[in-house]
Every structure is written in C-alpha cells, then in structure tokens.
C-alpha atoms as a PDB file:
ATOM      1  CA  MET A   1     141.034  -0.046 -91.785  1.00  0.00           C
ATOM      2  CA  ASN A   2     141.220   1.748 -88.429  1.00  0.00           C
ATOM      3  CA  GLU A   3     144.698   1.438 -86.913  1.00  0.00           C
ATOM      4  CA  LEU A   4     146.422   4.885 -87.075  1.00  0.00           C
ATOM      5  CA  PHE A   5     149.841   3.940 -87.294  1.00  0.00           C
ATOM      6  CA  LYS A   6     149.078   1.612 -90.389  1.00  0.00           C
ATOM      7  CA  MET A   7     147.085   4.315 -92.288  1.00  0.00           C
ATOM      8  CA  THR A   8     147.980   7.080 -94.881  1.00  0.00           C
ATOM      9  CA  ALA A   9     146.669  10.556 -94.097  1.00  0.00           C
ATOM     10  CA  HIS A  10     144.370  10.138 -97.077  1.00  0.00           C
ATOM     11  CA  GLN A  11     142.872   6.917 -95.545  1.00  0.00           C
ATOM     12  CA  VAL A  12     142.435   8.931 -92.187  1.00  0.00           C
ATOM     13  CA  LYS A  13     140.591  11.693 -93.704  1.00  0.00           C
ATOM     14  CA  GLU A  14     138.391   9.212 -95.668  1.00  0.00           C
ATOM     15  CA  GLY A  15     137.633   7.308 -92.689  1.00  0.00           C
ATOM     16  CA  ASN A  16     135.402  10.073 -91.222  1.00  0.00           C
ATOM     17  CA  PHE A  17     136.426   9.132 -87.647  1.00  0.00           C
ATOM     18  CA  ASN A  18     134.570  10.893 -84.647  1.00  0.00           C
ATOM     19  CA  LYS A  19     135.982   8.932 -81.692  1.00  0.00           C
ATOM     20  CA  ALA A  20     139.341   7.352 -80.865  1.00  0.00           C
ATOM     21  CA  ILE A  21     140.480   4.627 -78.568  1.00  0.00           C
ATOM     22  CA  LEU A  22     143.791   4.626 -76.787  1.00  0.00           C
ATOM     23  CA  ALA A  23     145.430   1.552 -75.106  1.00  0.00           C
ATOM     24  CA  ILE A  24     147.676   2.406 -72.220  1.00  0.00           C
ATOM     25  CA  GLY A  25     150.114  -0.445 -71.211  1.00  0.00           C
ATOM     26  CA  SER A  26     153.297  -1.105 -69.624  1.00  0.00           C
ATOM     27  CA  CYS A  27     156.615  -3.326 -70.005  1.00  0.00           C
ATOM     28  CA  GLU A  28     157.493  -5.175 -66.928  1.00  0.00           C
ATOM     29  CA  ALA A  29     157.834  -8.679 -65.579  1.00  0.00           C
ATOM     30  CA  HIS A  30     154.539 -10.738 -65.452  1.00  0.00           C
ATOM     31  CA  GLY A  31     155.645 -13.584 -63.342  1.00  0.00           C
ATOM     32  CA  GLN A  32     158.199 -15.641 -65.339  1.00  0.00           C
ATOM     33  CA  HIS A  33     155.694 -17.011 -67.777  1.00  0.00           C
ATOM     34  CA  ILE A  34     154.006 -14.023 -69.680  1.00  0.00           C
ATOM     35  CA  ALA A  35     155.349 -11.599 -72.189  1.00  0.00           C
ATOM     36  CA  GLU A  36     156.710  -8.394 -70.605  1.00  0.00           C
ATOM     37  CA  GLY A  37     154.502  -6.356 -72.872  1.00  0.00           C
ATOM     38  CA  CYS A  38     151.320  -8.180 -71.612  1.00  0.00           C
ATOM     39  CA  ASP A  39     149.435  -4.968 -70.564  1.00  0.00           C
ATOM     40  CA  THR A  40     150.049  -3.293 -73.853  1.00  0.00           C
ATOM     41  CA  LEU A  41     149.285  -6.223 -75.888  1.00  0.00           C
ATOM     42  CA  VAL A  42     145.997  -6.990 -74.127  1.00  0.00           C
ATOM     43  CA  SER A  43     144.740  -3.369 -74.113  1.00  0.00           C
ATOM     44  CA  TYR A  44     145.613  -2.860 -77.708  1.00  0.00           C
ATOM     45  CA  LYS A  45     144.109  -6.092 -78.827  1.00  0.00           C
ATOM     46  CA  LEU A  46     140.897  -5.388 -76.901  1.00  0.00           C
ATOM     47  CA  SER A  47     140.939  -1.912 -78.500  1.00  0.00           C
ATOM     48  CA  LYS A  48     141.010  -3.171 -82.063  1.00  0.00           C
ATOM     49  CA  GLN A  49     138.062  -5.493 -81.377  1.00  0.00           C
ATOM     50  CA  ILE A  50     136.130  -2.826 -80.040  1.00  0.00           C
ATOM     51  CA  ALA A  51     136.815  -0.290 -82.746  1.00  0.00           C
ATOM     52  CA  ASP A  52     135.996  -2.864 -85.340  1.00  0.00           C
ATOM     53  CA  GLN A  53     132.430  -3.009 -83.982  1.00  0.00           C
ATOM     54  CA  VAL A  54     131.990   0.691 -83.128  1.00  0.00           C
ATOM     55  CA  GLU A  55     131.221   3.096 -86.126  1.00  0.00           C
ATOM     56  CA  GLY A  56     133.849   5.937 -86.576  1.00  0.00           C
ATOM     57  CA  MET A  57     136.339   4.775 -83.976  1.00  0.00           C
ATOM     58  CA  LEU A  58     140.066   5.291 -84.707  1.00  0.00           C
ATOM     59  CA  VAL A  59     142.605   3.036 -82.962  1.00  0.00           C
ATOM     60  CA  LEU A  60     145.616   5.267 -81.802  1.00  0.00           C
ATOM     61  CA  PRO A  61     148.918   3.661 -81.219  1.00  0.00           C
ATOM     62  CA  PRO A  62     149.379   2.196 -77.906  1.00  0.00           C
ATOM     63  CA  ILE A  63     151.385   3.734 -75.045  1.00  0.00           C
ATOM     64  CA  THR A  64     153.816   0.918 -74.435  1.00  0.00           C
ATOM     65  CA  VAL A  65     155.410   2.216 -71.208  1.00  0.00           C
ATOM     66  CA  GLY A  66     153.656   3.489 -68.248  1.00  0.00           C
ATOM     67  CA  TYR A  67     154.288   4.026 -64.621  1.00  0.00           C
ATOM     68  CA  SER A  68     155.919   0.793 -63.230  1.00  0.00           C
ATOM     69  CA  GLY A  69     158.305   1.830 -60.524  1.00  0.00           C
ATOM     70  CA  HIS A  70     156.523  -0.437 -57.997  1.00  0.00           C
ATOM     71  CA  TYR A  71     157.662  -3.424 -60.147  1.00  0.00           C
ATOM     72  CA  ASP A  72     161.205  -2.172 -60.698  1.00  0.00           C
ATOM     73  CA  SER A  73     162.670  -4.879 -58.471  1.00  0.00           C
ATOM     74  CA  PHE A  74     162.039  -7.350 -61.153  1.00  0.00           C
ATOM     75  CA  PRO A  75     163.717  -7.658 -64.536  1.00  0.00           C
ATOM     76  CA  PHE A  76     163.222  -5.932 -67.087  1.00  0.00           C
ATOM     77  CA  THR A  77     161.005  -3.118 -65.997  1.00  0.00           C
ATOM     78  CA  LEU A  78     160.723   0.034 -68.032  1.00  0.00           C
ATOM     79  CA  THR A  79     159.057   2.822 -66.190  1.00  0.00           C
ATOM     80  CA  LEU A  80     158.048   6.517 -66.856  1.00  0.00           C
ATOM     81  CA  SER A  81     157.454   8.841 -63.848  1.00  0.00           C
ATOM     82  CA  TYR A  82     153.872   9.526 -62.768  1.00  0.00           C
ATOM     83  CA  ASP A  83     154.210  12.974 -64.131  1.00  0.00           C
ATOM     84  CA  THR A  84     155.497  11.902 -67.513  1.00  0.00           C
ATOM     85  CA  THR A  85     152.740   9.160 -67.723  1.00  0.00           C
ATOM     86  CA  THR A  86     150.182  11.767 -67.015  1.00  0.00           C
ATOM     87  CA  GLN A  87     151.678  14.249 -69.504  1.00  0.00           C
ATOM     88  CA  VAL A  88     151.848  11.616 -72.271  1.00  0.00           C
ATOM     89  CA  ILE A  89     148.214  10.634 -71.881  1.00  0.00           C
ATOM     90  CA  TYR A  90     147.223  14.449 -71.755  1.00  0.00           C
ATOM     91  CA  ASP A  91     149.344  15.258 -74.806  1.00  0.00           C
ATOM     92  CA  ILE A  92     147.837  12.310 -76.926  1.00  0.00           C
ATOM     93  CA  VAL A  93     144.329  13.208 -75.917  1.00  0.00           C
ATOM     94  CA  GLU A  94     144.930  16.895 -76.684  1.00  0.00           C
ATOM     95  CA  SER A  95     146.410  15.894 -80.063  1.00  0.00           C
ATOM     96  CA  CYS A  96     143.189  14.161 -80.989  1.00  0.00           C
ATOM     97  CA  ILE A  97     141.072  17.016 -79.800  1.00  0.00           C
ATOM     98  CA  ARG A  98     143.165  19.528 -82.002  1.00  0.00           C
ATOM     99  CA  GLN A  99     142.662  17.093 -84.988  1.00  0.00           C
ATOM    100  CA  GLY A 100     138.863  17.292 -84.433  1.00  0.00           C
ATOM    101  CA  ILE A 101     138.199  14.200 -82.434  1.00  0.00           C
ATOM    102  CA  ASP A 102     137.017  15.008 -78.886  1.00  0.00           C
ATOM    103  CA  HIS A 103     135.378  11.705 -77.902  1.00  0.00           C
ATOM    104  CA  ILE A 104     138.176   9.532 -76.444  1.00  0.00           C
ATOM    105  CA  PHE A 105     138.039   6.045 -74.875  1.00  0.00           C
ATOM    106  CA  LEU A 106     140.861   5.117 -72.738  1.00  0.00           C
ATOM    107  CA  MET A 107     141.568   1.343 -72.510  1.00  0.00           C
ATOM    108  CA  ASN A 108     143.970   0.768 -69.608  1.00  0.00           C
ATOM    109  CA  GLY A 109     145.962  -2.463 -69.174  1.00  0.00           C
ATOM    110  CA  HIS A 110     148.013  -1.573 -66.101  1.00  0.00           C
ATOM    111  CA  ASP A 111     147.498  -0.684 -62.518  1.00  0.00           C
ATOM    112  CA  GLY A 112     150.183   1.849 -62.265  1.00  0.00           C
ATOM    113  CA  ASN A 113     148.384   3.960 -64.843  1.00  0.00           C
ATOM    114  CA  ILE A 114     145.101   4.367 -63.118  1.00  0.00           C
ATOM    115  CA  ALA A 115     146.091   7.583 -61.212  1.00  0.00           C
ATOM    116  CA  PRO A 116     147.844   9.245 -64.266  1.00  0.00           C
ATOM    117  CA  ILE A 117     144.690   8.440 -66.249  1.00  0.00           C
ATOM    118  CA  GLU A 118     142.515  10.157 -63.696  1.00  0.00           C
ATOM    119  CA  VAL A 119     144.887  13.308 -63.514  1.00  0.00           C
ATOM    120  CA  ALA A 120     145.179  13.558 -67.227  1.00  0.00           C
ATOM    121  CA  SER A 121     141.375  13.324 -67.922  1.00  0.00           C
ATOM    122  CA  ARG A 122     140.607  15.793 -65.168  1.00  0.00           C
ATOM    123  CA  LYS A 123     143.141  18.294 -66.671  1.00  0.00           C
ATOM    124  CA  ILE A 124     141.691  17.818 -70.196  1.00  0.00           C
ATOM    125  CA  LYS A 125     138.201  18.494 -68.963  1.00  0.00           C
ATOM    126  CA  GLU A 126     139.279  21.744 -67.326  1.00  0.00           C
ATOM    127  CA  VAL A 127     140.983  23.019 -70.533  1.00  0.00           C
ATOM    128  CA  TYR A 128     138.590  21.386 -73.144  1.00  0.00           C
ATOM    129  CA  PRO A 129     135.100  21.070 -71.403  1.00  0.00           C
ATOM    130  CA  GLN A 130     133.471  19.829 -74.615  1.00  0.00           C
ATOM    131  CA  ALA A 131     135.804  16.835 -74.644  1.00  0.00           C
ATOM    132  CA  GLN A 132     134.135  13.465 -73.703  1.00  0.00           C
ATOM    133  CA  ILE A 133     136.509  10.966 -72.134  1.00  0.00           C
ATOM    134  CA  ALA A 134     135.508   7.494 -70.963  1.00  0.00           C
ATOM    135  CA  ALA A 135     137.807   4.904 -69.513  1.00  0.00           C
ATOM    136  CA  LEU A 136     138.128   1.330 -68.589  1.00  0.00           C
ATOM    137  CA  THR A 137     140.825   1.397 -65.987  1.00  0.00           C
ATOM    138  CA  GLN A 138     140.696  -2.111 -64.602  1.00  0.00           C
ATOM    139  CA  TRP A 139     139.457  -4.519 -67.366  1.00  0.00           C
ATOM    140  CA  TRP A 140     140.505  -7.436 -65.142  1.00  0.00           C
ATOM    141  CA  VAL A 141     138.008  -6.313 -62.334  1.00  0.00           C
ATOM    142  CA  ALA A 142     135.347  -5.626 -64.891  1.00  0.00           C
ATOM    143  CA  ALA A 143     135.766  -9.101 -66.491  1.00  0.00           C
ATOM    144  CA  GLY A 144     135.510 -10.835 -63.099  1.00  0.00           C
ATOM    145  CA  ASP A 145     132.144  -8.906 -62.324  1.00  0.00           C
ATOM    146  CA  LEU A 146     130.730  -9.797 -65.972  1.00  0.00           C
ATOM    147  CA  LEU A 147     131.417 -13.371 -65.973  1.00  0.00           C
ATOM    148  CA  PRO A 148     129.770 -16.145 -63.838  1.00  0.00           C
ATOM    149  CA  LYS A 149     131.047 -16.169 -60.353  1.00  0.00           C
ATOM    150  CA  ASP A 150     132.522 -19.617 -60.569  1.00  0.00           C
ATOM    151  CA  THR A 151     134.597 -18.827 -63.579  1.00  0.00           C
ATOM    152  CA  PHE A 152     137.710 -18.468 -61.574  1.00  0.00           C
ATOM    153  CA  GLU A 153     139.077 -20.904 -58.974  1.00  0.00           C
ATOM    154  CA  VAL A 154     141.487 -18.667 -56.842  1.00  0.00           C
ATOM    155  CA  TRP A 155     141.339 -15.088 -55.534  1.00  0.00           C
ATOM    156  CA  GLY A 156     138.508 -14.201 -57.898  1.00  0.00           C
ATOM    157  CA  GLY A 157     141.060 -14.511 -60.972  1.00  0.00           C
ATOM    158  CA  LEU A 158     142.768 -11.597 -59.701  1.00  0.00           C
ATOM    159  CA  GLY A 159     146.547 -10.817 -59.407  1.00  0.00           C
ATOM    160  CA  HIS A 160     149.483  -9.628 -61.308  1.00  0.00           C
ATOM    161  CA  ALA A 161     149.894 -12.336 -63.915  1.00  0.00           C
ATOM    162  CA  GLY A 162     147.247 -14.343 -61.995  1.00  0.00           C
ATOM    163  CA  GLU A 163     144.663 -16.800 -63.244  1.00  0.00           C
ATOM    164  CA  GLY A 164     142.700 -13.982 -64.975  1.00  0.00           C
ATOM    165  CA  GLU A 165     145.522 -12.074 -66.644  1.00  0.00           C
ATOM    166  CA  THR A 166     147.353 -15.249 -67.500  1.00  0.00           C
ATOM    167  CA  SER A 167     144.205 -16.658 -69.172  1.00  0.00           C
ATOM    168  CA  ILE A 168     143.576 -13.690 -71.507  1.00  0.00           C
ATOM    169  CA  ALA A 169     147.300 -13.697 -72.273  1.00  0.00           C
ATOM    170  CA  TYR A 170     146.968 -17.433 -73.250  1.00  0.00           C
ATOM    171  CA  HIS A 171     144.075 -16.585 -75.359  1.00  0.00           C
ATOM    172  CA  LEU A 172     145.456 -13.555 -77.119  1.00  0.00           C
ATOM    173  CA  PHE A 173     149.100 -14.290 -77.475  1.00  0.00           C
ATOM    174  CA  GLY A 174     149.800 -17.853 -76.180  1.00  0.00           C
ATOM    175  CA  ASP A 175     152.878 -18.078 -78.290  1.00  0.00           C
ATOM    176  CA  TRP A 176     154.631 -15.423 -76.289  1.00  0.00           C
ATOM    177  CA  CYS A 177     153.984 -17.201 -73.001  1.00  0.00           C
ATOM    178  CA  GLU A 178     155.774 -20.178 -70.984  1.00  0.00           C
ATOM    179  CA  PRO A 179     153.043 -21.963 -69.216  1.00  0.00           C
ATOM    180  CA  GLU A 180     155.461 -24.370 -67.467  1.00  0.00           C
ATOM    181  CA  LEU A 181     156.813 -21.437 -65.465  1.00  0.00           C
ATOM    182  CA  ALA A 182     153.601 -20.349 -64.129  1.00  0.00           C
ATOM    183  CA  THR A 183     153.341 -20.050 -60.158  1.00  0.00           C
ATOM    184  CA  SER A 184     150.914 -19.476 -57.480  1.00  0.00           C
ATOM    185  CA  VAL A 185     151.408 -16.617 -54.947  1.00  0.00           C
ATOM    186  CA  VAL A 186     148.476 -15.270 -53.061  1.00  0.00           C
ATOM    187  CA  PRO A 187     149.562 -12.567 -50.555  1.00  0.00           C
ATOM    188  CA  ASP A 188     147.936 -12.056 -47.216  1.00  0.00           C
ATOM    189  CA  LEU A 189     146.551  -8.480 -47.574  1.00  0.00           C
ATOM    190  CA  PRO A 190     143.823  -6.664 -45.354  1.00  0.00           C
ATOM    191  CA  GLU A 191     140.340  -6.823 -47.007  1.00  0.00           C
ATOM    192  CA  TYR A 192     139.436  -3.136 -46.902  1.00  0.00           C
ATOM    193  CA  LEU A 193     142.776  -1.452 -46.507  1.00  0.00           C
ATOM    194  CA  ASP A 194     144.730  -0.403 -49.607  1.00  0.00           C
ATOM    195  CA  ILE A 195     148.495  -1.441 -48.867  1.00  0.00           C
ATOM    196  CA  LYS A 196     150.961   0.893 -50.774  1.00  0.00           C
ATOM    197  CA  TRP A 197     153.317  -2.115 -51.666  1.00  0.00           C
ATOM    198  CA  ASP A 198     156.404  -2.520 -53.572  1.00  0.00           C
ATOM    199  CA  PHE A 199     155.865  -5.707 -55.573  1.00  0.00           C
ATOM    200  CA  SER A 200     158.878  -7.422 -54.010  1.00  0.00           C
ATOM    201  CA  GLU A 201     157.066  -7.352 -50.738  1.00  0.00           C
ATOM    202  CA  LEU A 202     154.331  -9.580 -52.209  1.00  0.00           C
ATOM    203  CA  THR A 203     156.084 -12.068 -54.286  1.00  0.00           C
ATOM    204  CA  ASP A 204     159.384 -13.591 -55.164  1.00  0.00           C
ATOM    205  CA  THR A 205     158.222 -14.600 -58.648  1.00  0.00           C
ATOM    206  CA  ALA A 206     156.977 -11.311 -60.030  1.00  0.00           C
ATOM    207  CA  GLN A 207     153.407 -12.866 -59.990  1.00  0.00           C
ATOM    208  CA  THR A 208     150.468 -12.882 -57.610  1.00  0.00           C
ATOM    209  CA  GLY A 209     147.260 -14.912 -57.830  1.00  0.00           C
ATOM    210  CA  ASP A 210     147.362 -18.492 -59.018  1.00  0.00           C
ATOM    211  CA  ALA A 211     148.580 -18.480 -62.684  1.00  0.00           C
ATOM    212  CA  THR A 212     148.477 -22.389 -62.610  1.00  0.00           C
ATOM    213  CA  LYS A 213     144.748 -22.318 -62.908  1.00  0.00           C
ATOM    214  CA  ALA A 214     144.716 -20.133 -66.057  1.00  0.00           C
ATOM    215  CA  THR A 215     143.327 -21.453 -69.334  1.00  0.00           C
ATOM    216  CA  ALA A 216     142.952 -19.864 -72.805  1.00  0.00           C
ATOM    217  CA  GLU A 217     139.282 -20.737 -72.660  1.00  0.00           C
ATOM    218  CA  LYS A 218     138.842 -18.683 -69.442  1.00  0.00           C
ATOM    219  CA  GLY A 219     140.759 -15.851 -71.337  1.00  0.00           C
ATOM    220  CA  LYS A 220     138.449 -15.970 -74.348  1.00  0.00           C
ATOM    221  CA  MET A 221     135.407 -15.667 -71.927  1.00  0.00           C
ATOM    222  CA  MET A 222     137.155 -12.462 -70.425  1.00  0.00           C
ATOM    223  CA  ASN A 223     137.881 -11.056 -73.871  1.00  0.00           C
ATOM    224  CA  ASP A 224     134.415 -11.455 -75.012  1.00  0.00           C
ATOM    225  CA  ALA A 225     132.920 -10.207 -72.038  1.00  0.00           C
ATOM    226  CA  ILE A 226     134.815  -6.855 -72.094  1.00  0.00           C
ATOM    227  CA  VAL A 227     134.633  -6.386 -75.907  1.00  0.00           C
ATOM    228  CA  GLU A 228     130.776  -6.897 -75.645  1.00  0.00           C
ATOM    229  CA  TYR A 229     130.291  -4.643 -72.687  1.00  0.00           C
ATOM    230  CA  VAL A 230     132.389  -1.730 -74.201  1.00  0.00           C
ATOM    231  CA  VAL A 231     130.807  -1.978 -77.600  1.00  0.00           C
ATOM    232  CA  LYS A 232     127.281  -1.948 -76.109  1.00  0.00           C
ATOM    233  CA  THR A 233     128.077   0.964 -73.769  1.00  0.00           C
ATOM    234  CA  LEU A 234     129.630   2.987 -76.531  1.00  0.00           C
ATOM    235  CA  LYS A 235     126.840   2.482 -78.879  1.00  0.00           C
ATOM    236  CA  GLU A 236     124.441   3.620 -76.228  1.00  0.00           C
ATOM    237  CA  LEU A 237     126.605   6.689 -75.508  1.00  0.00           C
ATOM    238  CA  ASP A 238     126.593   7.548 -79.249  1.00  0.00           C
ATOM    239  CA  ALA A 239     122.866   7.064 -79.479  1.00  0.00           C
ATOM    240  CA  ARG A 240     122.161   9.549 -76.587  1.00  0.00           C
ATOM    241  CA  GLY A 241     124.796  11.964 -77.710  1.00  0.00           C
ATOM    242  CA  TRP A 242     127.071  11.404 -74.747  1.00  0.00           C
ATOM    243  CA  LYS A 243     124.425  13.288 -72.525  1.00  0.00           C
ATOM    244  CA  PHE A 244     124.020  12.427 -68.969  1.00  0.00           C
ATOM    245  CA  LYS A 245     121.054  14.519 -67.936  1.00  0.00           C
END
C-alpha cells in the first residue's frame, strides 16, 4: 500500500517512506476522443506503477488541474494561472519536506506544467538545498526516444492527443475513450523555432498529430518503456545516495 489518499496515518507511519512521487496533470479537451483528465490519469497510473517497484516511495494525490490557458478555446478547459500552478507544486513539495521526505519525483503529464515545475523546483532548492527533486517533464518525448524509431507512423507519435498519447490512453483507460472520433491534424510548424501558439491556431478538433494511427499495443510499449526507465534510474540514484560528483 503506497497511495497516500487511501492510507491511514498509521499505515503511512509504518510504511517508512523516504521518497514521494507526485503526478501533475490537467483537465482539458484531448481531441474529441480521449477523457479530459488524460494527463492526470496517465501521470498518476505511471506513478503508481513506478512506486510499486521502488522501495520507500509514497504516491501523493495527483494535481488534477494545471496551467491550460492555451487550450481554453475548447470545451471543457479548467485552468489555474501560471503563478497558482507553480505555488501548488511548491506547497505540496514543501509539505513533503516538512513531513520528513525530501526526495521527490515529479511525473508530469501536461505541457503547460513544464514551466511551473521548473520555477517551483528552483525555488524549493533555494530554500531547502538538501532537497532532491527529479522530474520527467515530457514522458511523451522520452517514450518516443526509448522505443524503436519505427514504432510510430506519423510525426514521431507526437501531438496533443496524437498517436502516442492516444495509444497510451487506449492502453490505460480505453473504456473512457471514443476511438471512432479520432482525427489527424499535423500543423505546419518551423523545425527549430518555438511558436507560442494558442491551440485554436493549430487545430479545429482540439487534437494534433495522427490519433487514427493509435493502438493500445503501442500504448503498452510506451507505458512499459517509461516505467522501466524511471524505476531503473531511481534505483541507481538511491544506490549512489543521489550524489552527482
């Protein structure tokens, strides 16, 4: 038992946890075919699998709403401000430190949370230099890098509710998806420039990439690759006491 919101205080105490994992998600349209809580569901389900294989890791309740202002033109978007998202992450990590757990892994599921994670983590390190924070801010990119290059058919599997994200959704919570509504929208973006878009400028379906190429089998491959990598890396960090020199 390692999910905090299902545990009694006695069980937490007896668990002797020395690390915590925090899933950070969102609630917003993922095309017309994936549950709006996709980012939270994926990051939390991955977090649970990771914690089940890493000794002493407590699974914190997920952050279910992040910064999603850039998706606000599609229903039904819930969003916090950047400052609020940053502060929520900071406050939860600080709570863990006050409770005696100062090794935190942040499992992010949403692009809008990347900047708040960076700022919150830097602020924590300024105040609590003994804290150790690791983050996987883009599992969707990492999965593509970890898997064989021919795994995905379009755009390297990328996109919001694209081939990769749709695939892992089909694998993890297929009952909450409507595959018949999947679309394919690949925007024409510059290769090296980072365009600061509003999502409505890229798509009319709240989806980018090619969700029609998604399969649960590809999703399982992504799931397994991410869990294996993070578990292996956390065990290596534990073995060397999270020392980097």
